[in-house]
Structures are given as structure tokens and as C-alpha cells.
N, C-alpha and C. Protein backbone atom coordinates (compact mmCIF):
# COMPACT_ATOMS: atom_id res chain seq x y z
N UNK A 1 3.25 -23.65 79.42
CA UNK A 1 3.86 -24.45 80.48
C UNK A 1 4.49 -25.69 79.87
N UNK A 2 5.69 -26.04 80.30
CA UNK A 2 6.35 -27.23 79.81
C UNK A 2 5.66 -28.47 80.37
N UNK A 3 5.91 -29.59 79.71
CA UNK A 3 5.33 -30.84 80.18
C UNK A 3 5.89 -31.17 81.56
N UNK A 4 4.98 -31.38 82.48
CA UNK A 4 5.38 -31.75 83.82
C UNK A 4 5.18 -33.25 83.96
N UNK A 5 6.06 -33.93 84.68
CA UNK A 5 5.88 -35.36 84.85
C UNK A 5 4.58 -35.65 85.62
N UNK A 6 4.02 -36.78 85.30
CA UNK A 6 2.83 -37.29 86.01
C UNK A 6 3.24 -38.57 86.70
N UNK A 7 2.60 -38.83 87.82
CA UNK A 7 2.98 -39.97 88.64
C UNK A 7 1.80 -40.88 88.93
N UNK A 8 2.11 -42.11 89.28
CA UNK A 8 1.16 -43.02 89.90
C UNK A 8 1.92 -43.67 91.07
N UNK A 9 1.33 -43.60 92.25
CA UNK A 9 1.99 -44.11 93.46
C UNK A 9 1.31 -45.40 93.91
N UNK A 10 2.11 -46.35 94.37
CA UNK A 10 1.51 -47.59 94.85
C UNK A 10 0.73 -47.33 96.14
N UNK A 11 -0.04 -48.31 96.53
CA UNK A 11 -0.99 -48.12 97.64
C UNK A 11 -0.32 -47.90 98.99
N UNK A 12 0.98 -48.08 99.10
CA UNK A 12 1.70 -47.83 100.35
C UNK A 12 2.30 -46.42 100.42
N UNK A 13 2.09 -45.63 99.40
CA UNK A 13 2.71 -44.30 99.34
C UNK A 13 1.66 -43.18 99.33
N UNK A 14 0.64 -43.32 100.15
CA UNK A 14 -0.44 -42.33 100.21
C UNK A 14 0.07 -40.95 100.59
N UNK A 15 0.93 -40.87 101.58
CA UNK A 15 1.43 -39.56 102.03
C UNK A 15 2.24 -38.87 100.94
N UNK A 16 3.06 -39.63 100.23
CA UNK A 16 3.83 -39.07 99.13
C UNK A 16 2.90 -38.61 98.01
N UNK A 17 1.89 -39.39 97.69
CA UNK A 17 0.93 -39.00 96.64
C UNK A 17 0.24 -37.70 97.01
N UNK A 18 -0.22 -37.57 98.26
CA UNK A 18 -0.89 -36.34 98.70
C UNK A 18 0.06 -35.15 98.66
N UNK A 19 1.31 -35.36 99.06
CA UNK A 19 2.29 -34.27 99.05
C UNK A 19 2.61 -33.83 97.62
N UNK A 20 2.77 -34.79 96.71
CA UNK A 20 3.01 -34.43 95.31
C UNK A 20 1.83 -33.65 94.75
N UNK A 21 0.62 -34.05 95.09
CA UNK A 21 -0.56 -33.29 94.66
C UNK A 21 -0.54 -31.89 95.25
N UNK A 22 -0.17 -31.78 96.53
CA UNK A 22 -0.14 -30.46 97.19
C UNK A 22 0.82 -29.51 96.52
N UNK A 23 1.92 -30.05 95.97
CA UNK A 23 2.89 -29.18 95.29
C UNK A 23 2.63 -29.10 93.79
N UNK A 24 1.48 -29.59 93.36
CA UNK A 24 1.01 -29.36 92.00
C UNK A 24 1.24 -30.44 90.97
N UNK A 25 1.63 -31.64 91.39
CA UNK A 25 1.88 -32.71 90.43
C UNK A 25 0.68 -33.65 90.34
N UNK A 26 0.31 -33.97 89.11
CA UNK A 26 -0.75 -34.91 88.81
C UNK A 26 -0.27 -36.29 89.27
N UNK A 27 -0.92 -36.81 90.33
CA UNK A 27 -0.47 -38.07 90.94
C UNK A 27 -1.66 -38.97 91.23
N UNK A 28 -1.72 -40.10 90.54
CA UNK A 28 -2.77 -41.08 90.80
C UNK A 28 -2.39 -41.91 92.02
N UNK A 29 -3.38 -42.26 92.81
CA UNK A 29 -3.17 -43.14 93.96
C UNK A 29 -4.51 -43.74 94.32
N UNK A 30 -4.50 -45.02 94.63
CA UNK A 30 -5.72 -45.72 95.00
C UNK A 30 -5.34 -46.88 95.92
N UNK A 31 -6.16 -47.11 96.92
CA UNK A 31 -5.94 -48.23 97.83
C UNK A 31 -7.27 -48.92 98.07
N UNK A 32 -7.36 -50.20 97.84
CA UNK A 32 -6.32 -51.08 97.30
C UNK A 32 -6.24 -50.96 95.77
N UNK A 33 -5.12 -51.43 95.25
CA UNK A 33 -4.93 -51.48 93.80
C UNK A 33 -4.08 -52.70 93.49
N UNK A 34 -4.45 -53.42 92.44
CA UNK A 34 -3.70 -54.62 92.06
C UNK A 34 -2.43 -54.20 91.31
N UNK A 35 -1.46 -55.10 91.29
CA UNK A 35 -0.24 -54.84 90.53
C UNK A 35 -0.57 -54.62 89.06
N UNK A 36 -1.47 -55.41 88.52
CA UNK A 36 -1.85 -55.28 87.12
C UNK A 36 -2.42 -53.89 86.84
N UNK A 37 -3.29 -53.40 87.72
CA UNK A 37 -3.92 -52.10 87.52
C UNK A 37 -2.90 -50.96 87.64
N UNK A 38 -2.02 -51.03 88.64
CA UNK A 38 -1.05 -49.94 88.79
C UNK A 38 -0.08 -49.93 87.61
N UNK A 39 0.27 -51.09 87.10
CA UNK A 39 1.14 -51.13 85.92
C UNK A 39 0.41 -50.55 84.70
N UNK A 40 -0.89 -50.82 84.57
CA UNK A 40 -1.69 -50.25 83.49
C UNK A 40 -1.72 -48.72 83.61
N UNK A 41 -1.93 -48.23 84.84
CA UNK A 41 -1.99 -46.79 85.07
C UNK A 41 -0.64 -46.11 84.87
N UNK A 42 0.44 -46.87 84.95
CA UNK A 42 1.77 -46.26 84.83
C UNK A 42 2.13 -45.91 83.39
N UNK A 43 1.33 -46.31 82.43
CA UNK A 43 1.59 -45.94 81.03
C UNK A 43 1.55 -44.42 80.91
N UNK A 44 2.65 -43.80 80.50
CA UNK A 44 2.73 -42.36 80.37
C UNK A 44 2.98 -41.64 81.69
N UNK A 45 3.20 -42.38 82.76
CA UNK A 45 3.45 -41.82 84.08
C UNK A 45 4.68 -42.49 84.68
N UNK A 46 5.22 -41.85 85.70
CA UNK A 46 6.30 -42.45 86.46
C UNK A 46 5.69 -43.22 87.62
N UNK A 47 6.00 -44.49 87.73
CA UNK A 47 5.53 -45.32 88.83
C UNK A 47 6.41 -45.07 90.05
N UNK A 48 5.77 -44.75 91.17
CA UNK A 48 6.46 -44.58 92.44
C UNK A 48 6.11 -45.79 93.30
N UNK A 49 7.11 -46.54 93.70
CA UNK A 49 6.85 -47.77 94.44
C UNK A 49 8.02 -48.11 95.35
N UNK A 50 7.73 -48.94 96.34
CA UNK A 50 8.77 -49.49 97.19
C UNK A 50 8.93 -50.98 96.92
N UNK A 51 8.19 -51.49 95.95
CA UNK A 51 8.14 -52.93 95.68
C UNK A 51 9.10 -53.32 94.56
N UNK A 52 10.24 -53.88 94.93
CA UNK A 52 11.24 -54.33 93.97
C UNK A 52 10.63 -55.36 93.02
N UNK A 53 9.83 -56.27 93.56
CA UNK A 53 9.23 -57.33 92.75
C UNK A 53 8.31 -56.74 91.67
N UNK A 54 7.55 -55.71 91.99
CA UNK A 54 6.67 -55.07 91.02
C UNK A 54 7.48 -54.49 89.86
N UNK A 55 8.59 -53.86 90.17
CA UNK A 55 9.46 -53.29 89.13
C UNK A 55 10.13 -54.40 88.34
N UNK A 56 10.64 -55.41 89.04
CA UNK A 56 11.34 -56.51 88.37
C UNK A 56 10.40 -57.29 87.44
N UNK A 57 9.22 -57.65 87.95
CA UNK A 57 8.31 -58.48 87.16
C UNK A 57 7.46 -57.68 86.17
N UNK A 58 7.06 -56.47 86.57
CA UNK A 58 6.17 -55.67 85.73
C UNK A 58 6.88 -54.86 84.67
N UNK A 59 8.18 -54.60 84.89
CA UNK A 59 8.99 -53.85 83.94
C UNK A 59 8.32 -52.55 83.46
N UNK A 60 7.95 -51.66 84.40
CA UNK A 60 7.36 -50.39 83.97
C UNK A 60 8.39 -49.58 83.19
N UNK A 61 7.90 -48.78 82.26
CA UNK A 61 8.79 -47.98 81.41
C UNK A 61 9.54 -46.92 82.21
N UNK A 62 8.91 -46.37 83.24
CA UNK A 62 9.51 -45.29 84.02
C UNK A 62 9.11 -45.50 85.48
N UNK A 63 10.07 -45.48 86.37
CA UNK A 63 9.76 -45.71 87.78
C UNK A 63 10.81 -45.08 88.67
N UNK A 64 10.40 -44.88 89.94
CA UNK A 64 11.33 -44.52 91.00
C UNK A 64 11.08 -45.52 92.11
N UNK A 65 12.11 -46.26 92.46
CA UNK A 65 12.03 -47.21 93.56
C UNK A 65 12.33 -46.45 94.84
N UNK A 66 11.31 -46.15 95.61
CA UNK A 66 11.41 -45.29 96.79
C UNK A 66 12.19 -46.01 97.89
N UNK A 67 13.20 -45.34 98.40
CA UNK A 67 14.11 -45.96 99.37
C UNK A 67 13.88 -45.50 100.81
N UNK A 68 13.04 -44.50 101.02
CA UNK A 68 12.93 -43.87 102.33
C UNK A 68 11.56 -44.07 102.96
N UNK A 69 11.53 -43.98 104.30
CA UNK A 69 10.27 -44.04 105.04
C UNK A 69 9.66 -42.65 105.23
N UNK A 70 10.48 -41.65 105.44
CA UNK A 70 10.02 -40.29 105.70
C UNK A 70 9.52 -39.65 104.40
N UNK A 71 8.33 -39.04 104.45
CA UNK A 71 7.71 -38.50 103.24
C UNK A 71 8.54 -37.36 102.62
N UNK A 72 9.18 -36.53 103.42
CA UNK A 72 10.02 -35.47 102.85
C UNK A 72 11.25 -36.06 102.16
N UNK A 73 11.82 -37.11 102.74
CA UNK A 73 12.94 -37.80 102.09
C UNK A 73 12.48 -38.46 100.80
N UNK A 74 11.26 -38.99 100.80
CA UNK A 74 10.71 -39.58 99.58
C UNK A 74 10.57 -38.52 98.49
N UNK A 75 10.03 -37.36 98.86
CA UNK A 75 9.87 -36.28 97.89
C UNK A 75 11.24 -35.80 97.39
N UNK A 76 12.22 -35.70 98.28
CA UNK A 76 13.56 -35.31 97.86
C UNK A 76 14.13 -36.31 96.86
N UNK A 77 13.89 -37.59 97.10
CA UNK A 77 14.38 -38.62 96.19
C UNK A 77 13.72 -38.48 94.81
N UNK A 78 12.40 -38.33 94.79
CA UNK A 78 11.68 -38.17 93.52
C UNK A 78 12.17 -36.91 92.80
N UNK A 79 12.31 -35.82 93.55
CA UNK A 79 12.77 -34.56 92.95
C UNK A 79 14.16 -34.72 92.34
N UNK A 80 15.04 -35.41 93.03
CA UNK A 80 16.40 -35.61 92.53
C UNK A 80 16.42 -36.53 91.30
N UNK A 81 15.73 -37.65 91.39
CA UNK A 81 15.76 -38.62 90.29
C UNK A 81 15.03 -38.14 89.05
N UNK A 82 13.98 -37.35 89.23
CA UNK A 82 13.19 -36.87 88.09
C UNK A 82 13.52 -35.42 87.75
N UNK A 83 14.52 -34.86 88.42
CA UNK A 83 14.96 -33.48 88.20
C UNK A 83 13.79 -32.50 88.26
N UNK A 84 13.01 -32.62 89.32
CA UNK A 84 11.86 -31.74 89.53
C UNK A 84 12.32 -30.41 90.11
N UNK A 85 11.70 -29.36 89.66
CA UNK A 85 11.86 -28.05 90.26
C UNK A 85 10.49 -27.65 90.78
N UNK A 86 10.36 -27.58 92.08
CA UNK A 86 9.06 -27.22 92.65
C UNK A 86 8.74 -25.77 92.31
N UNK A 87 7.52 -25.54 91.89
CA UNK A 87 7.08 -24.21 91.49
C UNK A 87 5.99 -23.74 92.44
N UNK A 88 6.33 -22.84 93.36
CA UNK A 88 5.36 -22.40 94.37
C UNK A 88 4.05 -21.87 93.81
N UNK A 89 4.07 -21.31 92.59
CA UNK A 89 2.82 -20.82 92.01
C UNK A 89 1.87 -21.96 91.65
N UNK A 90 2.36 -23.20 91.63
CA UNK A 90 1.50 -24.36 91.35
C UNK A 90 1.09 -25.11 92.62
N UNK A 91 1.64 -24.69 93.76
CA UNK A 91 1.26 -25.33 95.02
C UNK A 91 -0.24 -25.14 95.25
N UNK A 92 -0.86 -26.16 95.79
CA UNK A 92 -2.26 -26.12 96.20
C UNK A 92 -3.19 -25.83 95.03
N UNK A 93 -2.87 -26.44 93.87
CA UNK A 93 -3.73 -26.32 92.70
C UNK A 93 -4.40 -27.64 92.35
N UNK A 94 -4.04 -28.70 93.08
CA UNK A 94 -4.65 -30.02 92.86
C UNK A 94 -5.31 -30.48 94.16
N UNK A 95 -6.36 -31.24 94.02
CA UNK A 95 -7.05 -31.80 95.18
C UNK A 95 -6.18 -32.90 95.78
N UNK A 96 -5.88 -32.78 97.05
CA UNK A 96 -5.06 -33.81 97.70
C UNK A 96 -5.85 -35.09 97.93
N UNK A 97 -7.17 -35.01 97.89
CA UNK A 97 -8.01 -36.19 98.10
C UNK A 97 -8.18 -37.02 96.83
N UNK A 98 -8.46 -36.34 95.69
CA UNK A 98 -8.79 -37.12 94.49
C UNK A 98 -7.94 -36.77 93.27
N UNK A 99 -7.06 -35.78 93.36
CA UNK A 99 -6.16 -35.39 92.28
C UNK A 99 -6.81 -34.46 91.25
N UNK A 100 -8.04 -34.01 91.47
CA UNK A 100 -8.67 -33.08 90.55
C UNK A 100 -7.96 -31.74 90.55
N UNK A 101 -8.18 -30.96 89.50
CA UNK A 101 -7.62 -29.62 89.41
C UNK A 101 -8.56 -28.65 90.09
N UNK A 102 -8.05 -27.92 91.08
CA UNK A 102 -8.88 -27.00 91.86
C UNK A 102 -9.26 -25.78 91.04
N UNK A 103 -10.47 -25.28 91.29
CA UNK A 103 -10.97 -24.10 90.61
C UNK A 103 -11.37 -23.05 91.64
N UNK A 104 -11.14 -21.77 91.31
CA UNK A 104 -11.57 -20.72 92.23
C UNK A 104 -13.08 -20.77 92.40
N UNK A 105 -13.53 -20.43 93.60
CA UNK A 105 -14.96 -20.40 93.89
C UNK A 105 -15.24 -19.16 94.75
N UNK A 106 -16.36 -18.54 94.50
CA UNK A 106 -16.74 -17.35 95.26
C UNK A 106 -17.09 -17.73 96.70
N UNK A 107 -16.68 -16.89 97.62
CA UNK A 107 -16.95 -17.11 99.03
C UNK A 107 -18.46 -17.26 99.27
N UNK A 108 -19.25 -16.45 98.62
CA UNK A 108 -20.70 -16.51 98.81
C UNK A 108 -21.29 -17.87 98.42
N UNK A 109 -20.65 -18.55 97.47
CA UNK A 109 -21.14 -19.86 97.01
C UNK A 109 -20.86 -20.97 98.00
N UNK A 110 -19.87 -20.77 98.88
CA UNK A 110 -19.48 -21.83 99.81
C UNK A 110 -19.57 -21.38 101.28
N UNK A 111 -20.10 -20.20 101.50
CA UNK A 111 -20.12 -19.60 102.83
C UNK A 111 -20.66 -20.55 103.90
N UNK A 112 -21.76 -21.23 103.61
CA UNK A 112 -22.37 -22.12 104.60
C UNK A 112 -21.52 -23.36 104.91
N UNK A 113 -20.59 -23.69 104.03
CA UNK A 113 -19.72 -24.85 104.23
C UNK A 113 -18.46 -24.52 105.03
N UNK A 114 -18.19 -23.23 105.21
CA UNK A 114 -16.95 -22.80 105.86
C UNK A 114 -17.05 -22.87 107.37
N UNK A 115 -15.95 -23.26 108.02
CA UNK A 115 -15.91 -23.18 109.48
C UNK A 115 -16.07 -21.72 109.92
N UNK A 116 -16.63 -21.53 111.07
CA UNK A 116 -16.90 -20.20 111.60
C UNK A 116 -15.67 -19.30 111.57
N UNK A 117 -14.52 -19.83 112.02
CA UNK A 117 -13.31 -19.01 112.09
C UNK A 117 -12.77 -18.60 110.72
N UNK A 118 -13.15 -19.30 109.67
CA UNK A 118 -12.68 -18.98 108.32
C UNK A 118 -13.60 -17.95 107.65
N UNK A 119 -14.86 -17.99 107.97
CA UNK A 119 -15.85 -17.10 107.34
C UNK A 119 -15.47 -15.63 107.43
N UNK A 120 -14.98 -15.22 108.57
CA UNK A 120 -14.67 -13.81 108.77
C UNK A 120 -13.25 -13.41 108.48
N UNK A 121 -12.39 -14.37 108.14
CA UNK A 121 -10.97 -14.03 107.99
C UNK A 121 -10.41 -14.21 106.58
N UNK A 122 -10.99 -15.07 105.78
CA UNK A 122 -10.43 -15.34 104.45
C UNK A 122 -11.45 -15.06 103.35
N UNK A 123 -10.93 -14.75 102.15
CA UNK A 123 -11.82 -14.44 101.04
C UNK A 123 -11.56 -15.26 99.78
N UNK A 124 -10.41 -15.96 99.72
CA UNK A 124 -10.08 -16.74 98.53
C UNK A 124 -10.22 -18.22 98.82
N UNK A 125 -10.96 -18.89 97.92
CA UNK A 125 -11.22 -20.31 98.09
C UNK A 125 -11.12 -21.02 96.75
N UNK A 126 -10.78 -22.30 96.84
CA UNK A 126 -10.76 -23.17 95.66
C UNK A 126 -11.55 -24.42 96.01
N UNK A 127 -12.14 -25.00 94.98
CA UNK A 127 -12.92 -26.21 95.19
C UNK A 127 -12.61 -27.21 94.10
N UNK A 128 -12.64 -28.47 94.46
CA UNK A 128 -12.42 -29.54 93.50
C UNK A 128 -13.75 -29.84 92.80
N UNK A 129 -13.80 -29.70 91.48
CA UNK A 129 -15.03 -30.01 90.77
C UNK A 129 -15.35 -31.51 90.75
N UNK A 130 -14.34 -32.34 91.01
CA UNK A 130 -14.55 -33.79 90.99
C UNK A 130 -15.19 -34.31 92.27
N UNK A 131 -14.65 -33.91 93.43
CA UNK A 131 -15.15 -34.45 94.69
C UNK A 131 -15.82 -33.41 95.58
N UNK A 132 -15.70 -32.12 95.22
CA UNK A 132 -16.35 -31.07 95.97
C UNK A 132 -15.58 -30.55 97.17
N UNK A 133 -14.41 -31.13 97.46
CA UNK A 133 -13.64 -30.69 98.62
C UNK A 133 -13.24 -29.22 98.47
N UNK A 134 -13.31 -28.50 99.57
CA UNK A 134 -13.05 -27.07 99.60
C UNK A 134 -11.68 -26.79 100.21
N UNK A 135 -10.96 -25.83 99.64
CA UNK A 135 -9.61 -25.50 100.08
C UNK A 135 -9.45 -24.00 100.27
N UNK A 136 -8.57 -23.63 101.21
CA UNK A 136 -8.18 -22.25 101.42
C UNK A 136 -6.79 -22.24 102.03
N UNK A 137 -6.10 -21.12 101.87
CA UNK A 137 -4.76 -20.96 102.45
C UNK A 137 -4.90 -20.71 103.94
N UNK A 138 -4.10 -21.41 104.72
CA UNK A 138 -4.14 -21.24 106.16
C UNK A 138 -2.86 -21.73 106.79
N UNK A 139 -2.91 -22.00 108.07
CA UNK A 139 -1.71 -22.43 108.79
C UNK A 139 -1.18 -23.75 108.24
N UNK A 140 -2.06 -24.62 107.75
CA UNK A 140 -1.62 -25.90 107.20
C UNK A 140 -0.76 -25.70 105.94
N UNK A 141 -1.10 -24.74 105.10
CA UNK A 141 -0.29 -24.49 103.91
C UNK A 141 1.04 -23.85 104.28
N UNK A 142 1.02 -23.01 105.31
CA UNK A 142 2.28 -22.42 105.81
C UNK A 142 3.21 -23.52 106.34
N UNK A 143 2.64 -24.49 107.07
CA UNK A 143 3.45 -25.59 107.61
C UNK A 143 4.07 -26.43 106.50
N UNK A 144 3.31 -26.68 105.45
CA UNK A 144 3.84 -27.46 104.33
C UNK A 144 5.01 -26.71 103.69
N UNK A 145 4.83 -25.42 103.46
CA UNK A 145 5.92 -24.62 102.87
C UNK A 145 7.16 -24.63 103.78
N UNK A 146 6.95 -24.52 105.10
CA UNK A 146 8.07 -24.55 106.04
C UNK A 146 8.80 -25.89 105.98
N UNK A 147 8.05 -26.99 105.91
CA UNK A 147 8.68 -28.32 105.83
C UNK A 147 9.44 -28.48 104.53
N UNK A 148 8.88 -27.97 103.43
CA UNK A 148 9.58 -28.04 102.15
C UNK A 148 10.87 -27.23 102.19
N UNK A 149 10.81 -26.05 102.79
CA UNK A 149 12.01 -25.21 102.92
C UNK A 149 13.06 -25.90 103.79
N UNK A 150 12.63 -26.47 104.91
CA UNK A 150 13.56 -27.14 105.82
C UNK A 150 14.21 -28.34 105.13
N UNK A 151 13.49 -28.97 104.22
CA UNK A 151 14.03 -30.12 103.49
C UNK A 151 14.88 -29.69 102.30
N UNK A 152 14.99 -28.38 102.08
CA UNK A 152 15.79 -27.87 100.97
C UNK A 152 15.12 -28.00 99.62
N UNK A 153 13.79 -28.05 99.61
CA UNK A 153 13.05 -28.26 98.36
C UNK A 153 12.44 -27.00 97.77
N UNK A 154 12.63 -25.86 98.42
CA UNK A 154 12.00 -24.63 97.94
C UNK A 154 12.90 -23.83 97.01
N UNK A 155 14.13 -24.20 96.85
CA UNK A 155 15.05 -23.45 96.01
C UNK A 155 15.51 -22.19 96.70
N UNK A 156 16.10 -21.33 95.94
CA UNK A 156 16.64 -20.08 96.51
C UNK A 156 15.64 -18.98 96.41
């Protein structure tokens, strides 16, 4: 796999950070976070921010100054400026809560944690080894894919 860009998002870009994680990008995000700390974390990463002053005074090596309020427009801007190609096979491989890399887990190991309606209908699950959050494909993942397609981010 080629080197994929890594990001750090300022504390006002939580939705963008979660969406980047959902589509498979390593994205740090923490709230609250000081300017000093986010600039430290931006070493080797692209800083995503809406704060002109942070960019002007902190002089990060790599940044995207986010211009939009809508999260899909934000993602489109990052994709355009960083020449990202979204890869559907990497979707839903990172924890949207903590950024950990999800690992497959046997249904029997998490059966008691599953909602009743999921127990009888799905068999594939992933879990974050860092925070323990459990994931599965469902209507929420379909909606994300539909929004990405509607925004023109899914390619041909």
C-alpha cells in the first residue's frame, strides 16, 4: 500500500475527523486541545483547521485551511487539495471514536454486546482494540456511502 496522508484536525472539526476515519484515514482529533499541542501533533501530518491565526502564527509544515461549514464540502476540499482518492475497501477500517485500527472479531465473542436486531441478521463484526467499540455494516454505512456518492466522492 502506498503512503496515505495522515491528518490532525482542530477541535472544531470533529465531524470531519470522524468522516475521514470512516473512509479509512488516520486522523487525530481531541477536544479540547491547545494550539501548541495540535501544532506538535501536526509533525508528519496535515493539519486541518479553520483558524487562520493558528496557521499564520504556528507555521505548520502542511495544512488545509478549511473554508466550508458542511462536512461533505469539507471532505471535498481536503480531497481536492491533498489529491485524495477514496478507496472503498478501506472504508470502516478505523474507529470513528478513537482512530484505532479495527480488527475482525468473532460473533460469538461479542454476541452479548449486540443489539437484539443485529444478533440474528449479521455475522461480520469489527472491534477497536484501543477503546473496545464494536462495528458492523448496516444502514448507517449505506447512508455514508450514499452521501459520498451524492457529493461526487466515490469515483466512477
